[in-house]
Amino acid sequence: MNGETPLAREASSARNRNAALGAALFVVVALLGLYWAKWNPYYHKAFVAAHDHSLGASILGDRPGHGGPSLQAAWEYGVTYFKAIWKAFLVAVVLSSLVQVALPKDWIRRVLGKTSYGSTLAAGLVALPGMMCTCCAAPLVVGLRKQSSSVAAAVAFWFGNTALNPAVLIFMFFVLGWKFTLLRFIFGLILVFGLSYLAGRFAKEPADIQQMVESVEKPADESGPFVWRWLKTIVAVAATTVPAYVLSVLVLGGLRAWLFPAFSGHWGNSLLVVLLFAIVGTLFVIPTSAEIPIIQSLMSFGLGGGPAAVLAVTLPVISLPSALMVRNALSWRVLAFLGAGVAVLGFIAGLIGMVWIG
């Protein structure tokens, strides 16, 4: 006898049953949602990339550096961008809500809540099938942190979706060649399994711990029917992420002519441009795989291999909009550390690209 009363055993059995049902619901929704938004479209897109050696037009437009900031430029970019990501973002919001209401917090804490490297490794590997852009992965980062994942694990999941996206690596191989693909893969490994772990170490400061206690560790409201709690969580996730997301995308889209000016001659592969794109690529926002046609288009106008390598590493990983979306889950100190880390690694990739790719 373990000393438990029949009532306690019944309550424990009910919790286990509810946890199993919640996990099953999460898995089913994840499989269906990712197939609809990611896996099926990318399967067909891979054949297009292999046959055409192109993914179509650049989201930046036909002529880099053309025009200037304007409301029309912001609107055009916003419409194009949100048409490309709305399915994945919808899936991400639903999955983020399910992480919070369907998966037991102690499960996530045991697997992803430790400060050891194992949680970082597990989160980075779990992220690979998601293949989401940085902003679509952001709601899930918020959900994981609310369920007590560690900073390192949350960042590894965030970066794993983007930097090591298997579909993008395949597209990049067919369109840009093996050198860009290998460079992206190596720096992706560093970002997902290196920088994220360092971010967890960096977060071990009183201010970050206090923020986690106040903003993340608040107990979830478990009263009421499951469907009602789920709907409330969906609304809460959308309310805390969408406004800043939409506004910042429009601002960056309106400024894109200044952020991506036209380059030619020796300026197309200069150290100054490598530095500029290390910063711009870290801040700018794009849909999944959009870095590939951007690089292909800019190189056709004279951009060199160094700055192109910078964009291959920095553009997909993090952005100003995604940082704003996770601002309540990761402290600004951590976000600043991640932004600086991505920019520095991108700059190093650019230096390599200048020599290796040309």
Protein backbone atom coordinates (compact mmCIF):
# COMPACT_ATOMS: atom_id res chain seq x y z
CA MET A 1 0.00 0.00 0.00
CA ASN A 2 1.37 3.42 -0.81
CA GLY A 3 -0.71 5.21 1.82
CA GLU A 4 -2.92 7.02 -0.71
CA THR A 5 -6.61 7.22 -0.02
CA PRO A 6 -9.05 6.05 -2.71
CA LEU A 7 -10.01 9.69 -3.29
CA ALA A 8 -6.37 10.68 -3.81
CA ARG A 9 -5.80 7.78 -6.18
CA GLU A 10 -8.90 8.74 -8.15
CA ALA A 11 -7.73 12.36 -8.38
CA SER A 12 -4.26 11.25 -9.52
CA SER A 13 -5.78 8.95 -12.13
CA ALA A 14 -7.97 11.78 -13.43
CA ARG A 15 -4.96 14.10 -13.72
CA ASN A 16 -3.01 11.49 -15.64
CA ARG A 17 -5.95 10.84 -17.94
CA ASN A 18 -6.44 14.55 -18.61
CA ALA A 19 -2.72 14.99 -19.24
CA ALA A 20 -2.72 12.15 -21.76
CA LEU A 21 -5.77 13.56 -23.54
CA GLY A 22 -4.21 17.02 -23.60
CA ALA A 23 -0.98 15.69 -25.05
CA ALA A 24 -2.89 13.72 -27.69
CA LEU A 25 -4.88 16.82 -28.65
CA PHE A 26 -1.69 18.85 -28.96
CA VAL A 27 -0.02 16.24 -31.17
CA VAL A 28 -3.05 15.90 -33.46
CA VAL A 29 -3.45 19.68 -33.88
CA ALA A 30 0.31 20.08 -34.44
CA LEU A 31 0.41 17.37 -37.12
CA LEU A 32 -2.63 18.67 -38.96
CA GLY A 33 -1.62 22.32 -38.64
CA LEU A 34 1.98 21.84 -39.73
CA TYR A 35 0.94 19.66 -42.66
CA TRP A 36 -1.49 22.36 -43.81
CA ALA A 37 0.78 25.37 -43.27
CA LYS A 38 4.26 23.94 -43.78
CA TRP A 39 4.91 20.35 -44.76
CA ASN A 40 2.65 20.00 -47.79
CA PRO A 41 3.50 23.41 -49.33
CA TYR A 42 7.23 22.90 -48.77
CA TYR A 43 7.16 19.43 -50.31
CA HIS A 44 5.92 20.91 -53.58
CA LYS A 45 8.17 23.95 -53.26
CA ALA A 46 11.24 21.72 -53.13
CA PHE A 47 10.50 20.43 -56.65
CA VAL A 48 10.12 23.99 -57.90
CA ALA A 49 13.48 24.96 -56.39
CA ALA A 50 15.17 21.89 -57.91
CA HIS A 51 13.69 22.47 -61.35
CA ASP A 52 13.81 26.27 -61.64
CA HIS A 53 16.76 27.03 -59.32
CA SER A 54 14.61 29.87 -58.04
CA LEU A 55 11.85 30.50 -55.50
CA GLY A 56 10.34 33.38 -57.42
CA ALA A 57 10.55 37.14 -56.93
CA SER A 58 12.16 38.81 -53.94
CA ILE A 59 9.77 40.17 -51.32
CA LEU A 60 11.82 43.38 -51.39
CA GLY A 61 10.70 44.13 -54.96
CA ASP A 62 12.32 44.08 -58.36
CA ARG A 63 14.75 46.96 -57.86
CA PRO A 64 16.75 47.18 -54.61
CA GLY A 65 17.06 50.67 -53.19
CA HIS A 66 14.32 52.04 -55.46
CA GLY A 67 12.09 54.76 -54.05
CA GLY A 68 12.01 55.74 -50.41
CA PRO A 69 10.03 55.30 -47.21
CA SER A 70 6.29 55.70 -47.70
CA LEU A 71 2.96 54.49 -46.43
CA GLN A 72 2.41 52.75 -49.76
CA ALA A 73 5.68 50.85 -49.41
CA ALA A 74 4.70 49.84 -45.88
CA TRP A 75 1.26 48.69 -46.99
CA GLU A 76 2.55 46.73 -49.99
CA TYR A 77 5.18 44.94 -47.94
CA GLY A 78 2.73 44.22 -45.12
CA VAL A 79 0.15 42.71 -47.48
CA THR A 80 2.75 40.53 -49.21
CA TYR A 81 4.30 39.47 -45.93
CA PHE A 82 1.07 38.55 -44.12
CA LYS A 83 -0.25 36.67 -47.14
CA ALA A 84 2.86 34.50 -46.90
CA ILE A 85 2.74 33.81 -43.16
CA TRP A 86 -0.90 33.89 -42.03
CA LYS A 87 -1.42 30.15 -42.07
CA ALA A 88 1.70 29.45 -40.03
CA PHE A 89 0.93 32.27 -37.60
CA LEU A 90 -2.59 30.95 -37.02
CA VAL A 91 -1.19 27.48 -36.31
CA ALA A 92 1.43 28.98 -33.98
CA VAL A 93 -1.16 30.89 -31.93
CA VAL A 94 -3.33 27.78 -31.55
CA LEU A 95 -0.35 25.62 -30.58
CA SER A 96 0.90 28.25 -28.12
CA SER A 97 -2.50 28.21 -26.42
CA LEU A 98 -2.49 24.41 -26.29
CA VAL A 99 0.98 24.40 -24.73
CA GLN A 100 -0.51 26.45 -21.90
CA VAL A 101 -3.83 24.67 -21.37
CA ALA A 102 -3.33 21.10 -22.63
CA LEU A 103 0.23 20.16 -21.67
CA PRO A 104 1.03 19.74 -17.95
CA LYS A 105 3.52 22.30 -16.72
CA ASP A 106 5.54 19.66 -14.89
CA TRP A 107 6.09 17.78 -18.18
CA ILE A 108 7.61 20.83 -19.85
CA ARG A 109 9.55 21.72 -16.72
CA ARG A 110 11.12 18.25 -16.57
CA VAL A 111 12.13 18.20 -20.24
CA LEU A 112 12.74 21.86 -21.12
CA GLY A 113 12.92 23.60 -17.77
CA LYS A 114 16.41 22.60 -16.70
CA THR A 115 19.47 24.81 -16.98
CA SER A 116 21.55 21.83 -18.10
CA TYR A 117 22.51 21.46 -21.75
CA GLY A 118 20.06 18.60 -22.20
CA SER A 119 17.05 20.94 -22.22
CA THR A 120 18.71 23.16 -24.83
CA LEU A 121 19.49 20.17 -27.02
CA ALA A 122 15.97 18.74 -26.69
CA ALA A 123 14.30 22.06 -27.54
CA GLY A 124 16.49 22.61 -30.58
CA LEU A 125 15.70 19.15 -31.93
CA VAL A 126 11.96 19.43 -31.21
CA ALA A 127 11.89 22.68 -33.19
CA LEU A 128 13.15 21.20 -36.46
CA PRO A 129 9.81 19.83 -37.78
CA GLY A 130 8.12 23.19 -37.11
CA MET A 131 10.03 25.09 -39.81
CA MET A 132 8.41 28.38 -38.81
CA CYS A 133 9.69 31.90 -39.35
CA THR A 134 10.93 33.84 -36.35
CA CYS A 135 7.64 35.67 -35.79
CA CYS A 136 5.49 32.56 -36.16
CA ALA A 137 7.67 30.72 -33.66
CA ALA A 138 7.45 33.63 -31.19
CA PRO A 139 3.98 32.77 -29.75
CA LEU A 140 5.24 29.27 -28.97
CA VAL A 141 8.26 30.74 -27.20
CA VAL A 142 5.84 32.73 -25.03
CA GLY A 143 3.81 29.60 -24.34
CA LEU A 144 6.87 27.56 -23.41
CA ARG A 145 8.12 30.21 -21.01
CA LYS A 146 4.71 30.45 -19.36
CA GLN A 147 4.95 26.71 -18.77
CA SER A 148 8.34 27.10 -17.08
CA SER A 149 10.76 26.22 -19.86
CA SER A 150 14.26 27.59 -19.34
CA VAL A 151 15.49 30.62 -21.24
CA ALA A 152 18.04 28.50 -23.11
CA ALA A 153 15.44 25.93 -24.17
CA ALA A 154 12.97 28.60 -25.31
CA VAL A 155 15.64 30.31 -27.41
CA ALA A 156 16.87 27.00 -28.85
CA PHE A 157 13.31 26.23 -29.92
CA TRP A 158 12.93 29.73 -31.38
CA PHE A 159 16.18 29.61 -33.35
CA GLY A 160 15.79 25.94 -34.27
CA ASN A 161 12.67 26.72 -36.27
CA THR A 162 14.53 29.30 -38.35
CA ALA A 163 18.27 28.77 -38.50
CA LEU A 164 18.13 25.01 -39.09
CA ASN A 165 14.89 24.83 -41.07
CA PRO A 166 15.40 21.60 -43.11
CA ALA A 167 13.20 22.77 -45.98
CA VAL A 168 15.08 26.05 -46.32
CA LEU A 169 18.40 24.22 -46.38
CA ILE A 170 17.10 22.10 -49.27
CA PHE A 171 15.80 25.17 -51.12
CA MET A 172 19.08 26.98 -50.55
CA PHE A 173 21.10 24.08 -51.93
CA PHE A 174 19.13 24.07 -55.18
CA VAL A 175 18.99 27.86 -55.60
CA LEU A 176 22.18 29.29 -54.07
CA GLY A 177 24.49 26.27 -54.08
CA TRP A 178 26.30 24.12 -51.57
CA LYS A 179 28.61 26.81 -50.18
CA PHE A 180 25.76 28.98 -48.91
CA THR A 181 23.96 25.89 -47.61
CA LEU A 182 26.98 24.59 -45.68
CA LEU A 183 27.69 28.04 -44.23
CA ARG A 184 24.07 28.41 -43.14
CA PHE A 185 24.06 24.92 -41.60
CA ILE A 186 27.27 25.46 -39.60
CA PHE A 187 26.23 28.84 -38.26
CA GLY A 188 22.74 27.48 -37.63
CA LEU A 189 24.22 24.83 -35.35
CA ILE A 190 26.15 27.52 -33.48
CA LEU A 191 23.05 29.68 -33.11
CA VAL A 192 20.69 26.92 -32.00
CA PHE A 193 22.93 24.86 -29.76
CA GLY A 194 25.53 27.46 -28.77
CA LEU A 195 24.18 30.99 -28.57
CA SER A 196 20.91 29.82 -27.04
CA TYR A 197 22.74 28.02 -24.23
CA LEU A 198 24.88 31.10 -23.59
CA ALA A 199 21.68 33.16 -23.42
CA GLY A 200 20.53 30.90 -20.61
CA ARG A 201 23.78 31.50 -18.76
CA PHE A 202 23.47 35.22 -19.42
CA ALA A 203 19.93 35.24 -18.01
CA LYS A 204 21.12 34.18 -14.57
CA GLU A 205 20.84 37.68 -13.15
CA PRO A 206 18.45 38.98 -10.49
CA ALA A 207 16.53 41.18 -12.94
CA ASP A 208 15.90 38.28 -15.32
CA ILE A 209 14.91 35.93 -12.53
CA GLN A 210 12.52 38.52 -11.08
CA GLN A 211 10.92 39.03 -14.50
CA MET A 212 10.46 35.28 -14.86
CA VAL A 213 8.76 35.09 -11.46
CA GLU A 214 6.48 38.04 -12.13
CA SER A 215 5.65 37.57 -15.82
CA VAL A 216 5.98 33.85 -16.47
CA GLU A 217 5.48 31.85 -13.29
CA LYS A 218 2.03 33.18 -12.49
CA PRO A 219 -0.25 30.17 -12.05
CA ALA A 220 -2.59 29.58 -14.96
CA ASP A 221 -6.32 29.83 -14.47
CA GLU A 222 -7.44 26.20 -14.47
CA SER A 223 -11.06 26.84 -13.58
CA GLY A 224 -13.92 26.37 -15.99
CA PRO A 225 -14.42 24.08 -18.98
CA PHE A 226 -11.38 23.24 -21.11
CA VAL A 227 -12.79 24.81 -24.28
CA TRP A 228 -13.46 28.10 -22.50
CA ARG A 229 -9.95 28.21 -21.03
CA TRP A 230 -8.51 27.38 -24.44
CA LEU A 231 -10.41 30.20 -26.16
CA LYS A 232 -9.39 32.68 -23.46
CA THR A 233 -5.76 31.68 -23.91
CA ILE A 234 -5.94 32.05 -27.70
CA VAL A 235 -7.32 35.57 -27.28
CA ALA A 236 -4.63 36.42 -24.71
CA VAL A 237 -1.83 35.16 -26.96
CA ALA A 238 -3.14 37.14 -29.93
CA ALA A 239 -3.68 40.30 -27.86
CA THR A 240 -0.13 40.29 -26.51
CA THR A 241 1.58 39.57 -29.82
CA VAL A 242 -0.40 40.85 -32.80
CA PRO A 243 -0.50 44.67 -32.31
CA ALA A 244 3.27 45.18 -31.93
CA TYR A 245 3.86 42.57 -34.62
CA VAL A 246 1.72 44.26 -37.27
CA LEU A 247 2.97 47.77 -36.54
CA SER A 248 6.66 46.85 -36.59
CA VAL A 249 6.29 44.85 -39.83
CA LEU A 250 4.70 47.87 -41.51
CA VAL A 251 7.45 50.20 -40.27
CA LEU A 252 10.25 47.94 -41.49
CA GLY A 253 8.46 47.33 -44.77
CA GLY A 254 8.13 51.06 -45.33
CA LEU A 255 11.85 51.56 -44.70
CA ARG A 256 13.07 48.64 -46.81
CA ALA A 257 14.42 50.83 -49.65
CA TRP A 258 16.80 52.46 -47.17
CA LEU A 259 17.64 49.23 -45.37
CA PHE A 260 18.52 47.42 -48.61
CA PRO A 261 20.10 50.03 -50.90
CA ALA A 262 21.51 49.24 -54.32
CA PHE A 263 25.19 48.29 -54.46
CA SER A 264 27.54 47.81 -57.38
CA GLY A 265 31.22 47.44 -58.11
CA HIS A 266 33.60 47.14 -55.16
CA TRP A 267 30.89 48.33 -52.75
CA GLY A 268 28.98 45.13 -53.42
CA ASN A 269 31.47 43.07 -51.41
CA SER A 270 32.94 45.61 -49.03
CA LEU A 271 33.50 45.29 -45.31
CA LEU A 272 31.18 48.24 -44.72
CA VAL A 273 28.29 46.47 -46.46
CA VAL A 274 28.99 43.29 -44.48
CA LEU A 275 28.70 45.32 -41.27
CA LEU A 276 25.57 47.11 -42.48
CA PHE A 277 23.80 43.90 -43.43
CA ALA A 278 24.78 42.23 -40.16
CA ILE A 279 22.68 44.89 -38.43
CA VAL A 280 19.89 45.13 -41.02
CA GLY A 281 19.57 41.35 -41.36
CA THR A 282 19.19 41.01 -37.60
CA LEU A 283 16.43 43.63 -37.38
CA PHE A 284 14.46 43.02 -40.59
CA VAL A 285 11.54 40.61 -40.83
CA ILE A 286 10.82 38.11 -43.61
CA PRO A 287 8.64 35.03 -44.20
CA THR A 288 10.21 31.58 -44.16
CA SER A 289 12.74 31.04 -46.99
CA ALA A 290 12.37 34.63 -48.28
CA GLU A 291 16.08 35.19 -47.67
CA ILE A 292 16.82 32.98 -50.68
CA PRO A 293 15.13 35.08 -53.40
CA ILE A 294 16.34 38.24 -51.62
CA ILE A 295 19.95 37.06 -51.88
CA GLN A 296 19.51 35.84 -55.44
CA SER A 297 17.97 39.15 -56.51
CA LEU A 298 20.54 41.35 -54.75
CA MET A 299 23.44 39.33 -56.16
CA SER A 300 22.05 39.83 -59.66
CA PHE A 301 22.39 43.57 -59.00
CA GLY A 302 26.00 43.31 -57.86
CA LEU A 303 25.91 42.22 -54.22
CA GLY A 304 28.97 40.16 -53.31
CA GLY A 305 29.25 36.83 -51.55
CA GLY A 306 30.23 38.37 -48.21
CA PRO A 307 27.11 40.49 -47.61
CA ALA A 308 24.98 37.73 -49.15
CA ALA A 309 26.38 35.26 -46.61
CA VAL A 310 25.49 37.71 -43.83
CA LEU A 311 21.86 37.80 -44.98
CA ALA A 312 21.73 34.00 -45.26
CA VAL A 313 22.60 33.75 -41.57
CA THR A 314 20.91 36.79 -40.00
CA LEU A 315 17.68 37.43 -41.93
CA PRO A 316 15.68 34.37 -40.78
CA VAL A 317 16.83 34.03 -37.18
CA ILE A 318 15.51 37.02 -35.26
CA SER A 319 13.89 40.35 -36.03
CA LEU A 320 12.60 43.47 -34.33
CA PRO A 321 8.95 42.31 -34.62
CA SER A 322 9.69 38.88 -33.14
CA ALA A 323 11.68 40.46 -30.30
CA LEU A 324 8.70 42.68 -29.49
CA MET A 325 6.44 39.64 -29.49
CA VAL A 326 8.50 37.77 -26.86
CA ARG A 327 9.35 40.82 -24.76
CA ASN A 328 7.31 39.52 -21.79
CA ALA A 329 8.86 36.05 -21.96
CA LEU A 330 12.52 37.01 -22.39
CA SER A 331 14.05 40.06 -20.75
CA TRP A 332 15.37 42.93 -22.83
CA ARG A 333 18.86 42.06 -21.61
CA VAL A 334 18.53 38.59 -23.08
CA LEU A 335 17.01 39.92 -26.29
CA ALA A 336 19.82 42.46 -26.65
CA PHE A 337 22.34 39.66 -26.08
CA LEU A 338 20.67 37.51 -28.74
CA GLY A 339 20.48 40.36 -31.24
CA ALA A 340 24.13 41.22 -30.74
CA GLY A 341 25.09 37.55 -30.96
CA VAL A 342 23.22 37.03 -34.23
CA ALA A 343 24.77 40.19 -35.72
CA VAL A 344 28.31 39.19 -34.69
CA LEU A 345 27.93 35.67 -36.04
CA GLY A 346 26.48 37.10 -39.24
CA PHE A 347 29.45 39.44 -39.56
CA ILE A 348 31.83 36.50 -39.14
CA ALA A 349 29.88 34.56 -41.78
CA GLY A 350 30.22 37.60 -44.06
CA LEU A 351 33.99 37.65 -43.63
CA ILE A 352 34.11 33.99 -44.56
CA GLY A 353 31.81 34.61 -47.51
CA MET A 354 34.03 37.41 -48.84
CA VAL A 355 36.92 34.97 -49.11
CA TRP A 356 35.17 31.68 -49.82
CA ILE A 357 32.21 32.68 -51.96
CA GLY A 358 33.56 35.92 -53.47
